Structure formats: C-alpha cells, structure tokens
C-alpha atoms as a PDB file:
ATOM      1  CA  MET A   1     -17.045   6.915 -26.559  1.00  0.00           C
ATOM      2  CA  SER A   2     -16.208   4.142 -24.030  1.00  0.00           C
ATOM      3  CA  VAL A   3     -15.851   5.033 -20.594  1.00  0.00           C
ATOM      4  CA  LYS A   4     -12.789   3.488 -19.027  1.00  0.00           C
ATOM      5  CA  HIS A   5     -13.161   1.620 -15.761  1.00  0.00           C
ATOM      6  CA  ILE A   6     -10.904   2.856 -13.158  1.00  0.00           C
ATOM      7  CA  PRO A   7     -10.442   0.528 -10.380  1.00  0.00           C
ATOM      8  CA  GLU A   8     -11.370   1.276  -6.849  1.00  0.00           C
ATOM      9  CA  PHE A   9      -8.729   2.196  -4.434  1.00  0.00           C
ATOM     10  CA  ARG A  10      -7.702  -0.456  -1.588  1.00  0.00           C
ATOM     11  CA  LEU A  11      -7.410   1.392   1.712  1.00  0.00           C
ATOM     12  CA  GLY A  12      -5.895   0.168   4.804  1.00  0.00           C
ATOM     13  CA  LYS A  13      -5.123   1.462   8.279  1.00  0.00           C
ATOM     14  CA  VAL A  14      -1.415   1.768   7.514  1.00  0.00           C
ATOM     15  CA  LEU A  15      -0.729   4.701   5.169  1.00  0.00           C
ATOM     16  CA  ALA A  16       2.850   3.493   3.318  1.00  0.00           C
ATOM     17  CA  THR A  17       1.679  -0.009   2.661  1.00  0.00           C
ATOM     18  CA  SER A  18      -1.865   1.264   1.756  1.00  0.00           C
ATOM     19  CA  PHE A  19       0.185   3.552  -0.850  1.00  0.00           C
ATOM     20  CA  THR A  20       1.866   0.384  -2.465  1.00  0.00           C
ATOM     21  CA  ALA A  21      -1.675  -1.113  -2.817  1.00  0.00           C
ATOM     22  CA  THR A  22      -2.348   1.629  -5.393  1.00  0.00           C
ATOM     23  CA  LEU A  23      -0.659  -1.212  -7.746  1.00  0.00           C
ATOM     24  CA  THR A  24      -2.103  -4.578  -7.120  1.00  0.00           C
ATOM     25  CA  GLU A  25      -1.727  -7.933  -8.302  1.00  0.00           C
ATOM     26  CA  ARG A  26       2.147  -7.427  -8.878  1.00  0.00           C
ATOM     27  CA  GLN A  27       2.691 -11.237  -9.892  1.00  0.00           C
ATOM     28  CA  GLY A  28      -0.293 -11.513 -12.425  1.00  0.00           C
ATOM     29  CA  GLU A  29      -2.161  -8.861 -14.294  1.00  0.00           C
ATOM     30  CA  PRO A  30      -1.153  -5.721 -12.495  1.00  0.00           C
ATOM     31  CA  VAL A  31      -3.810  -3.332 -11.623  1.00  0.00           C
ATOM     32  CA  GLU A  32      -2.876   0.405 -11.558  1.00  0.00           C
ATOM     33  CA  ARG A  33      -5.194   2.371  -9.197  1.00  0.00           C
ATOM     34  CA  ILE A  34      -3.393   5.838  -9.806  1.00  0.00           C
ATOM     35  CA  PRO A  35      -3.114   5.853 -13.752  1.00  0.00           C
ATOM     36  CA  THR A  36      -3.440   9.644 -13.738  1.00  0.00           C
ATOM     37  CA  PRO A  37      -2.483  12.572 -11.678  1.00  0.00           C
ATOM     38  CA  ASP A  38      -5.933  13.294 -10.896  1.00  0.00           C
ATOM     39  CA  ARG A  39      -6.244   9.948  -9.276  1.00  0.00           C
ATOM     40  CA  LEU A  40      -3.461  10.662  -7.061  1.00  0.00           C
ATOM     41  CA  VAL A  41      -4.997  13.479  -5.881  1.00  0.00           C
ATOM     42  CA  ASP A  42      -8.064  11.569  -5.010  1.00  0.00           C
ATOM     43  CA  TRP A  43      -5.911   8.924  -3.109  1.00  0.00           C
ATOM     44  CA  LEU A  44      -4.101  11.543  -1.049  1.00  0.00           C
ATOM     45  CA  ALA A  45      -7.100  13.323  -0.234  1.00  0.00           C
ATOM     46  CA  ILE A  46      -8.971  10.204   0.861  1.00  0.00           C
ATOM     47  CA  SER A  47      -5.927   9.412   3.010  1.00  0.00           C
ATOM     48  CA  GLY A  48      -5.698  12.776   4.619  1.00  0.00           C
ATOM     49  CA  LEU A  49      -3.421  14.304   2.493  1.00  0.00           C
ATOM     50  CA  VAL A  50      -5.018  17.117   0.489  1.00  0.00           C
ATOM     51  CA  VAL A  51      -3.100  18.841  -2.185  1.00  0.00           C
ATOM     52  CA  ASP A  52      -4.220  21.368  -4.874  1.00  0.00           C
ATOM     53  CA  SER A  53      -2.821  19.556  -7.913  1.00  0.00           C
ATOM     54  CA  CYS A  54      -0.488  16.973  -9.661  1.00  0.00           C
ATOM     55  CA  SER A  55       1.956  16.944 -12.442  1.00  0.00           C
ATOM     56  CA  SER A  56       2.737  13.970 -14.512  1.00  0.00           C
ATOM     57  CA  SER A  57       6.288  14.315 -13.301  1.00  0.00           C
ATOM     58  CA  GLN A  58       4.840  14.392  -9.361  1.00  0.00           C
ATOM     59  CA  LEU A  59       2.939  11.301 -10.450  1.00  0.00           C
ATOM     60  CA  ASP A  60       6.153   9.518 -11.873  1.00  0.00           C
ATOM     61  CA  ARG A  61       8.034  10.592  -8.256  1.00  0.00           C
ATOM     62  CA  ALA A  62       5.037   9.175  -6.603  1.00  0.00           C
ATOM     63  CA  ARG A  63       5.110   5.810  -8.575  1.00  0.00           C
ATOM     64  CA  ASP A  64       8.909   5.742  -7.947  1.00  0.00           C
ATOM     65  CA  LEU A  65       8.334   6.060  -4.104  1.00  0.00           C
ATOM     66  CA  ARG A  66       5.789   3.500  -4.119  1.00  0.00           C
ATOM     67  CA  GLU A  67       7.809   1.014  -5.926  1.00  0.00           C
ATOM     68  CA  ALA A  68      10.736   1.818  -3.361  1.00  0.00           C
ATOM     69  CA  ILE A  69       8.577   1.260  -0.387  1.00  0.00           C
ATOM     70  CA  HIS A  70       7.311  -1.875  -1.948  1.00  0.00           C
ATOM     71  CA  ALA A  71      10.980  -3.265  -2.652  1.00  0.00           C
ATOM     72  CA  ALA A  72      12.071  -2.372   0.893  1.00  0.00           C
ATOM     73  CA  ALA A  73       8.988  -3.833   2.636  1.00  0.00           C
ATOM     74  CA  THR A  74       9.285  -6.622   0.872  1.00  0.00           C
ATOM     75  CA  ALA A  75      12.894  -7.155   1.615  1.00  0.00           C
ATOM     76  CA  ALA A  76      12.529  -6.469   5.226  1.00  0.00           C
ATOM     77  CA  ALA A  77       9.266  -8.863   5.323  1.00  0.00           C
ATOM     78  CA  VAL A  78      11.479 -11.767   4.310  1.00  0.00           C
ATOM     79  CA  GLN A  79      14.561 -10.438   6.356  1.00  0.00           C
ATOM     80  CA  ASP A  80      16.775  -9.735   3.019  1.00  0.00           C
ATOM     81  CA  PRO A  81      18.983  -6.702   3.066  1.00  0.00           C
ATOM     82  CA  LEU A  82      17.196  -3.390   2.172  1.00  0.00           C
ATOM     83  CA  PRO A  83      17.784  -2.397  -1.521  1.00  0.00           C
ATOM     84  CA  ALA A  84      20.044   0.693  -1.266  1.00  0.00           C
ATOM     85  CA  PRO A  85      18.283   2.293  -4.398  1.00  0.00           C
ATOM     86  CA  ALA A  86      14.791   1.862  -2.537  1.00  0.00           C
ATOM     87  CA  VAL A  87      16.448   3.333   0.799  1.00  0.00           C
ATOM     88  CA  GLN A  88      17.633   6.344  -1.310  1.00  0.00           C
ATOM     89  CA  ILE A  89      14.155   7.273  -2.927  1.00  0.00           C
ATOM     90  CA  ILE A  90      12.441   6.620   0.568  1.00  0.00           C
ATOM     91  CA  ASN A  91      14.816   8.806   2.242  1.00  0.00           C
ATOM     92  CA  ASP A  92      14.917  11.852  -0.397  1.00  0.00           C
ATOM     93  CA  ARG A  93      11.457  11.779  -0.254  1.00  0.00           C
ATOM     94  CA  SER A  94      11.099  12.030   3.393  1.00  0.00           C
ATOM     95  CA  VAL A  95      13.306  14.580   3.724  1.00  0.00           C
ATOM     96  CA  GLY A  96      11.798  16.660   0.933  1.00  0.00           C
ATOM     97  CA  GLY A  97       8.508  16.715   2.482  1.00  0.00           C
ATOM     98  CA  LEU A  98       7.256  19.734   4.848  1.00  0.00           C
ATOM     99  CA  ALA A  99       4.595  18.288   7.418  1.00  0.00           C
ATOM    100  CA  SER A 100       4.024  18.107  11.004  1.00  0.00           C
ATOM    101  CA  PRO A 101       1.820  15.528  13.144  1.00  0.00           C
ATOM    102  CA  VAL A 102      -1.297  17.287  14.587  1.00  0.00           C
ATOM    103  CA  LEU A 103      -3.574  16.169  17.437  1.00  0.00           C
ATOM    104  CA  THR A 104      -7.354  16.243  16.545  1.00  0.00           C
ATOM    105  CA  ALA A 105      -9.947  16.780  19.164  1.00  0.00           C
ATOM    106  CA  GLU A 106     -10.771  13.539  19.300  1.00  0.00           C
ATOM    107  CA  GLY A 107      -7.207  12.551  20.450  1.00  0.00           C
ATOM    108  CA  LYS A 108      -6.163  11.111  17.136  1.00  0.00           C
ATOM    109  CA  GLN A 109      -2.987  12.116  15.087  1.00  0.00           C
ATOM    110  CA  GLU A 110      -3.391  13.513  11.523  1.00  0.00           C
ATOM    111  CA  TRP A 111      -0.846  15.013   9.312  1.00  0.00           C
ATOM    112  CA  LYS A 112      -0.818  18.982   8.591  1.00  0.00           C
ATOM    113  CA  LEU A 113       1.093  19.438   5.220  1.00  0.00           C
ATOM    114  CA  ARG A 114       2.890  22.932   5.197  1.00  0.00           C
ATOM    115  CA  SER A 115       1.719  23.323   1.609  1.00  0.00           C
ATOM    116  CA  THR A 116      -0.485  21.806  -0.869  1.00  0.00           C
ATOM    117  CA  HIS A 117       2.246  20.184  -2.985  1.00  0.00           C
ATOM    118  CA  VAL A 118       2.409  16.780  -3.724  1.00  0.00           C
ATOM    119  CA  GLU A 119       6.154  16.277  -2.216  1.00  0.00           C
ATOM    120  CA  ASP A 120       4.925  17.406   1.128  1.00  0.00           C
ATOM    121  CA  ALA A 121       2.274  14.521   1.007  1.00  0.00           C
ATOM    122  CA  LEU A 122       5.012  11.959  -0.353  1.00  0.00           C
ATOM    123  CA  GLY A 123       7.148  12.943   2.821  1.00  0.00           C
ATOM    124  CA  VAL A 124       4.461  11.865   5.136  1.00  0.00           C
ATOM    125  CA  ILE A 125       4.016   8.604   3.114  1.00  0.00           C
ATOM    126  CA  ALA A 126       7.676   7.939   3.225  1.00  0.00           C
ATOM    127  CA  ALA A 127       7.945   9.059   6.660  1.00  0.00           C
ATOM    128  CA  ASP A 128       5.550   6.111   7.585  1.00  0.00           C
ATOM    129  CA  ALA A 129       7.358   3.740   5.472  1.00  0.00           C
ATOM    130  CA  ILE A 130      10.501   4.496   7.560  1.00  0.00           C
ATOM    131  CA  ARG A 131       8.616   3.617  10.908  1.00  0.00           C
ATOM    132  CA  ILE A 132       7.419   0.473   9.871  1.00  0.00           C
ATOM    133  CA  ILE A 133      10.419  -0.861   7.771  1.00  0.00           C
ATOM    134  CA  SER A 134      12.779   0.289  10.736  1.00  0.00           C
ATOM    135  CA  GLY A 135      10.716  -1.557  13.276  1.00  0.00           C
ATOM    136  CA  GLU A 136       9.369   1.733  15.085  1.00  0.00           C
ATOM    137  CA  ARG A 137       5.576   0.912  14.768  1.00  0.00           C
ATOM    138  CA  GLU A 138       4.496  -2.309  16.538  1.00  0.00           C
ATOM    139  CA  GLY A 139       3.539  -5.233  14.108  1.00  0.00           C
ATOM    140  CA  LYS A 140       4.965  -7.165  11.388  1.00  0.00           C
ATOM    141  CA  LEU A 141       5.800  -6.911   7.613  1.00  0.00           C
ATOM    142  CA  SER A 142       4.371  -9.650   5.684  1.00  0.00           C
ATOM    143  CA  LEU A 143       3.556 -10.764   2.038  1.00  0.00           C
ATOM    144  CA  CYS A 144       0.117 -11.670   0.868  1.00  0.00           C
ATOM    145  CA  ALA A 145      -0.050 -15.461   0.592  1.00  0.00           C
ATOM    146  CA  SER A 146      -1.867 -15.106  -2.890  1.00  0.00           C
ATOM    147  CA  PRO A 147       0.608 -16.010  -5.509  1.00  0.00           C
ATOM    148  CA  THR A 148      -0.917 -13.536  -7.804  1.00  0.00           C
ATOM    149  CA  CYS A 149      -0.663 -10.444  -5.271  1.00  0.00           C
ATOM    150  CA  ARG A 150       2.405 -10.466  -3.008  1.00  0.00           C
ATOM    151  CA  ALA A 151       1.784  -7.570  -1.595  1.00  0.00           C
ATOM    152  CA  ALA A 152       3.431  -6.190   1.307  1.00  0.00           C
ATOM    153  CA  PHE A 153       1.259  -5.500   4.020  1.00  0.00           C
ATOM    154  CA  PHE A 154       1.686  -4.402   8.000  1.00  0.00           C
ATOM    155  CA  ASP A 155       0.224  -6.917  10.150  1.00  0.00           C
ATOM    156  CA  THR A 156      -0.948  -5.699  13.374  1.00  0.00           C
ATOM    157  CA  SER A 157      -3.232  -8.517  14.352  1.00  0.00           C
ATOM    158  CA  ARG A 158      -2.956 -10.125  17.758  1.00  0.00           C
ATOM    159  CA  GLY A 159      -0.220 -12.899  16.913  1.00  0.00           C
ATOM    160  CA  ALA A 160       0.682 -11.205  13.491  1.00  0.00           C
ATOM    161  CA  THR A 161      -0.969 -14.236  11.954  1.00  0.00           C
ATOM    162  CA  ARG A 162      -2.707 -12.562   8.751  1.00  0.00           C
ATOM    163  CA  ARG A 163      -2.174 -14.457   5.739  1.00  0.00           C
ATOM    164  CA  TRP A 164      -3.571 -12.001   2.982  1.00  0.00           C
ATOM    165  CA  CYS A 165      -3.102  -8.091   2.359  1.00  0.00           C
ATOM    166  CA  GLU A 166      -6.944  -8.045   2.452  1.00  0.00           C
ATOM    167  CA  MET A 167      -9.487 -10.631   3.421  1.00  0.00           C
ATOM    168  CA  ASN A 168     -12.267  -9.086   1.115  1.00  0.00           C
ATOM    169  CA  THR A 169     -10.135  -9.682  -1.885  1.00  0.00           C
ATOM    170  CA  CYS A 170      -7.183 -11.630  -1.789  1.00  0.00           C
ATOM    171  CA  GLY A 171      -8.550 -13.810   1.068  1.00  0.00           C
ATOM    172  CA  ASN A 172     -11.837 -14.618  -0.570  1.00  0.00           C
ATOM    173  CA  ARG A 173     -10.293 -15.190  -3.825  1.00  0.00           C
ATOM    174  CA  GLU A 174      -7.847 -17.849  -2.572  1.00  0.00           C
ATOM    175  CA  LYS A 175     -10.767 -19.328  -0.328  1.00  0.00           C
ATOM    176  CA  LYS A 176     -13.211 -19.696  -3.105  1.00  0.00           C
ATOM    177  CA  ALA A 177     -10.289 -21.213  -5.443  1.00  0.00           C
ATOM    178  CA  ARG A 178      -9.932 -24.086  -2.613  1.00  0.00           C
ATOM    179  CA  PHE A 179     -13.289 -24.764  -2.174  1.00  0.00           C
ATOM    180  CA  ALA A 180     -13.645 -25.077  -5.874  1.00  0.00           C
ATOM    181  CA  ALA A 181     -10.491 -27.275  -5.999  1.00  0.00           C
ATOM    182  CA  ASN A 182     -11.702 -29.704  -3.226  1.00  0.00           C
ATOM    183  CA  LYS A 183     -15.510 -29.859  -4.859  1.00  0.00           C
ATOM    184  CA  HIS A 184     -13.800 -31.274  -7.986  1.00  0.00           C
ATOM    185  CA  ARG A 185     -11.656 -33.716  -6.015  1.00  0.00           C
ATOM    186  CA  THR A 186     -14.190 -34.864  -3.584  1.00  0.00           C
ATOM    187  CA  PRO A 187     -16.246 -37.597  -5.156  1.00  0.00           C
ATOM    188  CA  PRO A 188     -20.271 -37.287  -4.664  1.00  0.00           C
ATOM    189  CA  THR A 189     -21.611 -39.276  -1.861  1.00  0.00           C
ATOM    190  CA  ALA A 190     -24.029 -42.151  -2.724  1.00  0.00           C
ATOM    191  CA  ARG A 191     -27.417 -41.964  -1.581  1.00  0.00           C
END
C-alpha cells in the first residue's frame, strides 16, 4: 500500500488569494492542494473558518469559486475587463453565505459563521475577493513573475513592488535558476 503525498498549504495574509493558492503551478504542472473534501475542511479550519464537513459537490463549488476569484483577480491585475461568469460566481457565493465580522479581545477582526456549512465559509472568501478586486482594500493585485506559477496575489508591500506570490517558493526557485544560468555563462577566472 503506497501513501499518497498531499502537498502542504500555501497560506498568506490575504484570505481570497490564499484560497486561489490551493491550486499552484497553474502554467506548469498544476498542484492541487485540496484534492478531497476533507482537505478543504482542513484549509478552512486553518484559515479560521471552521466547518463540520464537506461533500464532493461542495468541494466542486469551492473550486469553482477559487477559479472565479483567480480569473477575476488576474483580469484586475492586468487591467482587463472582469469576466462576467467569474463575477457571477463570486457574487452568488458572497450572498449565499451567512457570516459576520467580529472583534477579538486583541482588537483583530475574525469571521463568525452563522452555521458550520461550507457555503457560509465560501461567502466569507467571496466577500474578501470582492473587497480586493474592487479596490476597497489598500494594496495592489499582481501576478507572480514565475513563468510556471502566474498566481494572482495581493501586494501590500511598501511601494507594491513584490514580484512573486511567495518568496520562499517561486522567488527562491527563480533566483536559484538565475544563479545556475549565470554560473554556466561565466567563464572560470584564471588563477
């Protein structure tokens, strides 16, 4: 019996774009990070959106939302018109969820789901996507500079100059590739 490796989650500070990162390497060999309903439940829990369970059809709706957010965020990042089907899915999931922002004792916002259903959690993710894509949050949508990734990410860095969705993955991979290419091009120095 072989044990199937399930890739780690890529977690960022922005809920909606972290959700789109549950499918990575979109322009290379795609890596699905929520291959089963249970993995979606795990991702939601890590993201502060605890649900009881997830069915296969709910996983399909979650993936549809993920792809809609990715399509709309990509269009916004390159200043293209937003694709109408993606906008419809995002809006449908947003109004279909029941959740409220609450203030923690530490002064932070977190979401309180009205039920433990996946739909309420998807509503929170869709609402976050709307805030990002509409420009309500301070920051800038960008696309990862990695040719195999091209993930949409929300850049809140000073000057909004980030090039990669994650420095630890795409950024390091690109820097290593550049270093290796330069090493092969540079003739050894004579001693």
